[in-house]
C-alpha atoms as a PDB file:
ATOM      1  CA  MET A   1       0.154  -0.108   0.022  1.00  0.00           C
ATOM      2  CA  ALA A   2       2.848   2.479   0.867  1.00  0.00           C
ATOM      3  CA  ALA A   3       4.579   1.865  -2.690  1.00  0.00           C
ATOM      4  CA  VAL A   4       1.105   2.363  -4.477  1.00  0.00           C
ATOM      5  CA  ILE A   5       0.615   5.508  -2.529  1.00  0.00           C
ATOM      6  CA  ALA A   6       4.156   6.670  -3.462  1.00  0.00           C
ATOM      7  CA  ARG A   7       3.680   6.276  -7.104  1.00  0.00           C
ATOM      8  CA  GLY A   8       0.551   8.560  -6.709  1.00  0.00           C
ATOM      9  CA  VAL A   9       2.519  11.364  -5.162  1.00  0.00           C
ATOM     10  CA  ARG A  10       3.880  14.117  -7.652  1.00  0.00           C
ATOM     11  CA  ASP A  11       6.960  16.152  -7.216  1.00  0.00           C
ATOM     12  CA  GLY A  12       6.411  19.781  -5.923  1.00  0.00           C
ATOM     13  CA  GLU A  13       2.937  19.031  -4.236  1.00  0.00           C
ATOM     14  CA  ALA A  14       1.961  20.289  -0.929  1.00  0.00           C
ATOM     15  CA  VAL A  15       1.061  17.018   1.037  1.00  0.00           C
ATOM     16  CA  GLY A  16      -0.785  16.768   4.234  1.00  0.00           C
ATOM     17  CA  ILE A  17      -1.150  13.875   6.334  1.00  0.00           C
ATOM     18  CA  GLY A  18      -3.492  13.519   9.251  1.00  0.00           C
ATOM     19  CA  VAL A  19      -2.785  11.891  12.528  1.00  0.00           C
ATOM     20  CA  ASN A  20      -2.712   8.075  12.853  1.00  0.00           C
ATOM     21  CA  SER A  21      -1.941   7.469   9.194  1.00  0.00           C
ATOM     22  CA  PRO A  22       1.487   5.498   9.220  1.00  0.00           C
ATOM     23  CA  VAL A  23       1.077   3.916   5.884  1.00  0.00           C
ATOM     24  CA  PRO A  24       0.264   7.005   3.923  1.00  0.00           C
ATOM     25  CA  THR A  25       3.385   8.606   5.920  1.00  0.00           C
ATOM     26  CA  ALA A  26       5.408   5.762   4.538  1.00  0.00           C
ATOM     27  CA  GLY A  27       4.169   6.092   1.132  1.00  0.00           C
ATOM     28  CA  VAL A  28       4.843   9.967   1.091  1.00  0.00           C
ATOM     29  CA  LEU A  29       8.283   9.464   2.577  1.00  0.00           C
ATOM     30  CA  LEU A  30       9.173   6.935   0.055  1.00  0.00           C
ATOM     31  CA  ALA A  31       8.190   9.159  -2.670  1.00  0.00           C
ATOM     32  CA  ARG A  32      10.310  12.157  -1.325  1.00  0.00           C
ATOM     33  CA  ARG A  33      13.172   9.792  -1.466  1.00  0.00           C
ATOM     34  CA  LEU A  34      12.590   8.416  -4.906  1.00  0.00           C
ATOM     35  CA  HIS A  35      10.872  10.821  -7.172  1.00  0.00           C
ATOM     36  CA  ALA A  36       9.503  13.733  -5.298  1.00  0.00           C
ATOM     37  CA  PRO A  37      12.288  15.762  -3.649  1.00  0.00           C
ATOM     38  CA  ASN A  38      10.552  18.915  -3.888  1.00  0.00           C
ATOM     39  CA  LEU A  39       7.315  17.953  -2.303  1.00  0.00           C
ATOM     40  CA  ARG A  40       6.179  20.163   0.731  1.00  0.00           C
ATOM     41  CA  LEU A  41       5.050  18.082   3.534  1.00  0.00           C
ATOM     42  CA  ARG A  42       2.656  19.303   6.437  1.00  0.00           C
ATOM     43  CA  SER A  43       2.595  16.511   9.042  1.00  0.00           C
ATOM     44  CA  PRO A  44       3.197  16.738  12.929  1.00  0.00           C
ATOM     45  CA  GLY A  45       6.281  14.951  14.070  1.00  0.00           C
ATOM     46  CA  LEU A  46       8.067  14.363  10.870  1.00  0.00           C
ATOM     47  CA  GLY A  47      11.511  15.806   9.964  1.00  0.00           C
ATOM     48  CA  GLY A  48      11.506  18.181   6.931  1.00  0.00           C
ATOM     49  CA  ALA A  49       7.719  19.062   7.330  1.00  0.00           C
ATOM     50  CA  VAL A  50       6.477  22.561   7.105  1.00  0.00           C
ATOM     51  CA  ALA A  51       5.615  23.979  10.366  1.00  0.00           C
ATOM     52  CA  PHE A  52       2.142  25.118  11.220  1.00  0.00           C
ATOM     53  CA  ILE A  53       0.430  26.290  14.322  1.00  0.00           C
ATOM     54  CA  GLY A  54      -2.475  24.056  15.202  1.00  0.00           C
ATOM     55  CA  SER A  55      -5.305  22.730  13.395  1.00  0.00           C
ATOM     56  CA  LYS A  56      -6.833  26.246  12.269  1.00  0.00           C
ATOM     57  CA  GLU A  57      -3.809  27.229  10.280  1.00  0.00           C
ATOM     58  CA  PHE A  58      -3.906  23.845   8.642  1.00  0.00           C
ATOM     59  CA  PHE A  59      -7.294  24.116   7.393  1.00  0.00           C
ATOM     60  CA  ASP A  60      -6.582  27.729   6.233  1.00  0.00           C
ATOM     61  CA  PHE A  61      -3.893  26.219   4.224  1.00  0.00           C
ATOM     62  CA  ALA A  62      -6.518  23.845   2.654  1.00  0.00           C
ATOM     63  CA  GLN A  63      -9.244  26.353   2.034  1.00  0.00           C
ATOM     64  CA  ARG A  64      -6.826  28.902   0.377  1.00  0.00           C
ATOM     65  CA  GLY A  65      -6.049  26.184  -2.222  1.00  0.00           C
ATOM     66  CA  GLN A  66      -2.362  25.672  -0.773  1.00  0.00           C
ATOM     67  CA  LEU A  67      -2.823  21.833  -0.054  1.00  0.00           C
ATOM     68  CA  ASP A  68      -2.647  19.733  -3.054  1.00  0.00           C
ATOM     69  CA  LEU A  69      -2.977  16.110  -1.618  1.00  0.00           C
ATOM     70  CA  PHE A  70      -4.367  14.763   1.329  1.00  0.00           C
ATOM     71  CA  PHE A  71      -5.388  11.190   2.976  1.00  0.00           C
ATOM     72  CA  LEU A  72      -8.599  10.098   4.226  1.00  0.00           C
ATOM     73  CA  SER A  73     -10.015   7.045   5.522  1.00  0.00           C
ATOM     74  CA  GLY A  74     -13.497   5.740   7.062  1.00  0.00           C
ATOM     75  CA  ILE A  75     -15.058   2.917   9.109  1.00  0.00           C
ATOM     76  CA  GLN A  76     -17.098   2.622   5.930  1.00  0.00           C
ATOM     77  CA  ILE A  77     -16.414   3.678   2.159  1.00  0.00           C
ATOM     78  CA  ASP A  78     -19.358   3.353  -0.233  1.00  0.00           C
ATOM     79  CA  ALA A  79     -19.876   2.964  -3.728  1.00  0.00           C
ATOM     80  CA  GLN A  80     -19.652   6.503  -4.499  1.00  0.00           C
ATOM     81  CA  ALA A  81     -16.647   6.860  -2.449  1.00  0.00           C
ATOM     82  CA  ARG A  82     -18.247   8.602   0.494  1.00  0.00           C
ATOM     83  CA  ILE A  83     -16.767   8.125   3.840  1.00  0.00           C
ATOM     84  CA  ASN A  84     -18.444   7.604   7.375  1.00  0.00           C
ATOM     85  CA  LEU A  85     -16.424   8.253  10.665  1.00  0.00           C
ATOM     86  CA  HIS A  86     -19.392   8.809  12.840  1.00  0.00           C
ATOM     87  CA  VAL A  87     -21.863   5.885  13.334  1.00  0.00           C
ATOM     88  CA  LEU A  88     -22.812   2.371  12.537  1.00  0.00           C
ATOM     89  CA  GLY A  89     -26.651   1.904  12.099  1.00  0.00           C
ATOM     90  CA  ASP A  90     -29.220   4.714  12.652  1.00  0.00           C
ATOM     91  CA  TYR A  91     -27.903   8.156  13.862  1.00  0.00           C
ATOM     92  CA  ALA A  92     -30.287   8.655  16.601  1.00  0.00           C
ATOM     93  CA  HIS A  93     -29.965   4.901  17.894  1.00  0.00           C
ATOM     94  CA  PRO A  94     -26.410   3.755  16.698  1.00  0.00           C
ATOM     95  CA  GLU A  95     -25.038   0.419  17.098  1.00  0.00           C
ATOM     96  CA  ARG A  96     -21.761   2.282  17.763  1.00  0.00           C
ATOM     97  CA  ARG A  97     -20.577   5.775  17.652  1.00  0.00           C
ATOM     98  CA  PHE A  98     -16.994   6.821  16.494  1.00  0.00           C
ATOM     99  CA  ALA A  99     -14.937   9.984  17.142  1.00  0.00           C
ATOM    100  CA  GLY A 100     -16.272  11.713  14.043  1.00  0.00           C
ATOM    101  CA  ALA A 101     -14.881  13.799  11.166  1.00  0.00           C
ATOM    102  CA  PHE A 102     -12.272  16.404  12.609  1.00  0.00           C
ATOM    103  CA  GLY A 103     -12.684  18.356   9.374  1.00  0.00           C
ATOM    104  CA  SER A 104     -12.751  15.466   6.777  1.00  0.00           C
ATOM    105  CA  ALA A 105     -16.176  17.160   5.417  1.00  0.00           C
ATOM    106  CA  VAL A 106     -14.028  20.215   4.529  1.00  0.00           C
ATOM    107  CA  LEU A 107     -10.939  18.863   3.307  1.00  0.00           C
ATOM    108  CA  TYR A 108     -12.619  16.162   0.921  1.00  0.00           C
ATOM    109  CA  PRO A 109     -13.992  18.721  -1.586  1.00  0.00           C
ATOM    110  CA  VAL A 110     -11.491  21.514  -1.177  1.00  0.00           C
ATOM    111  CA  VAL A 111      -8.160  19.749  -1.414  1.00  0.00           C
ATOM    112  CA  GLY A 112      -6.706  19.401  -4.904  1.00  0.00           C
ATOM    113  CA  ARG A 113      -6.404  15.487  -4.711  1.00  0.00           C
ATOM    114  CA  VAL A 114      -7.569  13.130  -2.129  1.00  0.00           C
ATOM    115  CA  ILE A 115      -6.338   9.503  -1.823  1.00  0.00           C
ATOM    116  CA  LEU A 116      -8.640   7.226   0.408  1.00  0.00           C
ATOM    117  CA  PHE A 117      -6.988   4.314   2.285  1.00  0.00           C
ATOM    118  CA  ARG A 118      -8.264   1.462   4.381  1.00  0.00           C
ATOM    119  CA  LEU A 119      -6.045  -1.224   6.073  1.00  0.00           C
ATOM    120  CA  GLU A 120      -9.281  -3.566   5.787  1.00  0.00           C
ATOM    121  CA  HIS A 121     -11.034  -4.782   2.574  1.00  0.00           C
ATOM    122  CA  SER A 122     -14.295  -6.456   3.594  1.00  0.00           C
ATOM    123  CA  PRO A 123     -17.916  -6.297   2.839  1.00  0.00           C
ATOM    124  CA  ARG A 124     -18.628  -4.500   6.171  1.00  0.00           C
ATOM    125  CA  VAL A 125     -16.072  -1.651   5.132  1.00  0.00           C
ATOM    126  CA  PHE A 126     -16.911  -1.496   1.566  1.00  0.00           C
ATOM    127  CA  VAL A 127     -20.730  -1.067   1.396  1.00  0.00           C
ATOM    128  CA  GLU A 128     -23.351   0.262  -1.135  1.00  0.00           C
ATOM    129  CA  GLU A 129     -24.306   3.401   0.893  1.00  0.00           C
ATOM    130  CA  VAL A 130     -22.668   4.407   4.337  1.00  0.00           C
ATOM    131  CA  ASP A 131     -24.807   4.408   7.216  1.00  0.00           C
ATOM    132  CA  PHE A 132     -23.870   8.196   7.680  1.00  0.00           C
ATOM    133  CA  VAL A 133     -22.199  10.575   5.226  1.00  0.00           C
ATOM    134  CA  THR A 134     -19.217  12.150   6.984  1.00  0.00           C
ATOM    135  CA  ALA A 135     -17.645  13.323   3.824  1.00  0.00           C
ATOM    136  CA  ALA A 136     -18.187  13.154   0.351  1.00  0.00           C
ATOM    137  CA  GLY A 137     -15.921  13.884  -2.684  1.00  0.00           C
ATOM    138  CA  ARG A 138     -14.263  12.151  -5.698  1.00  0.00           C
ATOM    139  CA  PRO A 139     -10.815  10.557  -4.870  1.00  0.00           C
ATOM    140  CA  ASP A 140      -7.740  10.085  -6.867  1.00  0.00           C
ATOM    141  CA  PHE A 141      -7.924   6.683  -5.989  1.00  0.00           C
ATOM    142  CA  VAL A 142      -8.528   4.324  -3.016  1.00  0.00           C
ATOM    143  CA  VAL A 143      -5.885   1.698  -1.798  1.00  0.00           C
ATOM    144  CA  THR A 144      -6.355  -1.189   0.325  1.00  0.00           C
ATOM    145  CA  PRO A 145      -4.552  -4.519   1.077  1.00  0.00           C
ATOM    146  CA  LYS A 146      -6.235  -6.082  -1.867  1.00  0.00           C
ATOM    147  CA  ALA A 147      -6.661  -3.481  -4.618  1.00  0.00           C
ATOM    148  CA  VAL A 148      -6.692  -0.314  -6.085  1.00  0.00           C
ATOM    149  CA  LEU A 149     -10.130   1.121  -6.828  1.00  0.00           C
ATOM    150  CA  LYS A 150     -10.834   4.403  -8.947  1.00  0.00           C
ATOM    151  CA  PRO A 151     -14.061   6.457  -9.405  1.00  0.00           C
ATOM    152  CA  HIS A 152     -15.596   6.133 -12.892  1.00  0.00           C
ATOM    153  CA  PRO A 153     -15.036   9.336 -14.752  1.00  0.00           C
ATOM    154  CA  GLU A 154     -18.615  10.178 -15.413  1.00  0.00           C
ATOM    155  CA  THR A 155     -20.644   8.328 -12.513  1.00  0.00           C
ATOM    156  CA  GLY A 156     -18.066   8.542  -9.858  1.00  0.00           C
ATOM    157  CA  ARG A 157     -18.800   4.889  -8.665  1.00  0.00           C
ATOM    158  CA  LEU A 158     -15.655   2.999  -7.664  1.00  0.00           C
ATOM    159  CA  GLU A 159     -14.199   0.502 -10.095  1.00  0.00           C
ATOM    160  CA  LEU A 160     -11.459  -1.912  -9.899  1.00  0.00           C
ATOM    161  CA  ALA A 161      -8.313  -0.567 -11.330  1.00  0.00           C
ATOM    162  CA  SER A 162      -5.902  -3.145  -9.949  1.00  0.00           C
ATOM    163  CA  TYR A 163      -5.639  -6.094  -7.759  1.00  0.00           C
ATOM    164  CA  HIS A 164      -2.624  -6.860  -5.677  1.00  0.00           C
ATOM    165  CA  PRO A 165      -0.334  -9.750  -6.077  1.00  0.00           C
ATOM    166  CA  GLY A 166      -2.103 -13.040  -4.556  1.00  0.00           C
ATOM    167  CA  GLU A 167      -5.486 -11.204  -5.498  1.00  0.00           C
ATOM    168  CA  SER A 168      -7.687 -11.337  -8.415  1.00  0.00           C
ATOM    169  CA  VAL A 169     -10.822  -9.664  -9.765  1.00  0.00           C
ATOM    170  CA  GLU A 170     -13.003 -12.349  -8.264  1.00  0.00           C
ATOM    171  CA  SER A 171     -11.246 -12.284  -4.910  1.00  0.00           C
ATOM    172  CA  VAL A 172     -11.581  -8.388  -4.684  1.00  0.00           C
ATOM    173  CA  ARG A 173     -15.291  -8.613  -5.733  1.00  0.00           C
ATOM    174  CA  ALA A 174     -15.911 -11.328  -3.031  1.00  0.00           C
ATOM    175  CA  ALA A 175     -14.287  -8.853  -0.411  1.00  0.00           C
ATOM    176  CA  THR A 176     -16.563  -5.916  -1.389  1.00  0.00           C
ATOM    177  CA  GLY A 177     -20.102  -5.119  -0.293  1.00  0.00           C
ATOM    178  CA  PHE A 178     -21.363  -3.510  -3.496  1.00  0.00           C
ATOM    179  CA  GLU A 179     -21.299  -4.571  -7.109  1.00  0.00           C
ATOM    180  CA  LEU A 180     -17.875  -3.837  -8.371  1.00  0.00           C
ATOM    181  CA  ALA A 181     -17.129  -3.222 -11.990  1.00  0.00           C
ATOM    182  CA  ALA A 182     -13.593  -4.039 -13.137  1.00  0.00           C
ATOM    183  CA  ARG A 183     -12.178  -1.637 -15.548  1.00  0.00           C
ATOM    184  CA  ALA A 184     -11.265  -2.919 -19.142  1.00  0.00           C
ATOM    185  CA  ASP A 185      -7.530  -2.312 -18.281  1.00  0.00           C
ATOM    186  CA  ALA A 186      -7.784  -3.974 -14.833  1.00  0.00           C
ATOM    187  CA  HIS A 187      -4.538  -5.691 -13.940  1.00  0.00           C
ATOM    188  CA  GLU A 188      -2.178  -6.765 -11.201  1.00  0.00           C
ATOM    189  CA  THR A 189      -0.652  -4.185  -9.354  1.00  0.00           C
ATOM    190  CA  SER A 190       2.911  -3.724  -9.728  1.00  0.00           C
ATOM    191  CA  PRO A 191       4.732  -5.119  -6.536  1.00  0.00           C
ATOM    192  CA  PRO A 192       7.101  -3.191  -4.469  1.00  0.00           C
ATOM    193  CA  SER A 193      10.599  -3.148  -5.856  1.00  0.00           C
ATOM    194  CA  GLU A 194      13.425  -4.175  -3.959  1.00  0.00           C
ATOM    195  CA  ALA A 195      14.760  -0.520  -3.848  1.00  0.00           C
ATOM    196  CA  GLU A 196      11.311   0.488  -2.525  1.00  0.00           C
ATOM    197  CA  LEU A 197      11.102  -2.279   0.196  1.00  0.00           C
ATOM    198  CA  GLU A 198      14.802  -1.539   1.284  1.00  0.00           C
ATOM    199  CA  LEU A 199      13.995   2.243   1.853  1.00  0.00           C
ATOM    200  CA  LEU A 200      10.664   1.329   3.649  1.00  0.00           C
ATOM    201  CA  ARG A 201      12.118  -1.246   5.910  1.00  0.00           C
ATOM    202  CA  GLY A 202      15.329   0.991   6.753  1.00  0.00           C
ATOM    203  CA  PRO A 203      15.556   4.715   6.789  1.00  0.00           C
ATOM    204  CA  ILE A 204      11.823   5.515   6.318  1.00  0.00           C
ATOM    205  CA  LEU A 205      11.047   3.302   9.235  1.00  0.00           C
ATOM    206  CA  GLU A 206      13.582   5.185  11.145  1.00  0.00           C
ATOM    207  CA  GLU A 207      12.137   8.482  10.012  1.00  0.00           C
ATOM    208  CA  MET A 208       8.836   7.596  11.402  1.00  0.00           C
ATOM    209  CA  ALA A 209       9.984   6.620  14.886  1.00  0.00           C
ATOM    210  CA  GLY A 210       9.302  10.086  16.256  1.00  0.00           C
ATOM    211  CA  ALA A 211       5.634  10.209  14.984  1.00  0.00           C
ATOM    212  CA  TYR A 212       4.701   6.544  15.138  1.00  0.00           C
ATOM    213  CA  PRO A 213       6.882   4.907  17.857  1.00  0.00           C
ATOM    214  CA  SER A 214       4.263   2.156  18.373  1.00  0.00           C
ATOM    215  CA  TYR A 215       4.120   1.427  14.866  1.00  0.00           C
ATOM    216  CA  VAL A 216       7.633   1.304  14.346  1.00  0.00           C
ATOM    217  CA  ALA A 217       8.215  -0.963  17.276  1.00  0.00           C
ATOM    218  CA  ALA A 218       5.779  -3.370  15.770  1.00  0.00           C
ATOM    219  CA  HIS A 219       7.726  -3.482  12.500  1.00  0.00           C
ATOM    220  CA  PRO A 220      11.342  -4.046  13.374  1.00  0.00           C
END
């Protein structure tokens, strides 16, 4: 997933990464080392990041069009790439309530590009319609441990763009809770190269230690 994210980062972009996002962080740091040395990173706890004071200044950057790329996730993601960070079930009487959006509803439509990510690809995550629309927009792509999904250029409905090594069109569809069309050019995702893996497992993991000590400790 980090390698896929890295390949989607463009040199010179202003990139923001939220809290609790170690996989996007690894991907952005990989891109910075490989092909995007001039990206401007806004993320707390990382070396070389552009300093900002609190969340208000960060959202000011975004609303002034000064943020080119951001990463979002959700408890649920639906066929139209809407995300749910609020509740499962009926909002008035939820089965479970979560922390909420913290600005996702603002960032999704105003940032130049959004990449969605989720560390679980299952029918309970990828649903036809989310139980609550926390934020809506059209992502550049969605990356999971199984596949890359992209919105149809006209309808915005998510389609299978590539399936990761060990997966197939059929296995990704079986893990998705809505009818998933495969693009005509759907193909196997290029696996991480040896150079990418060496960087991710070495210097990038070390770079992330300050911001994500528990994550780094779990990936020696």
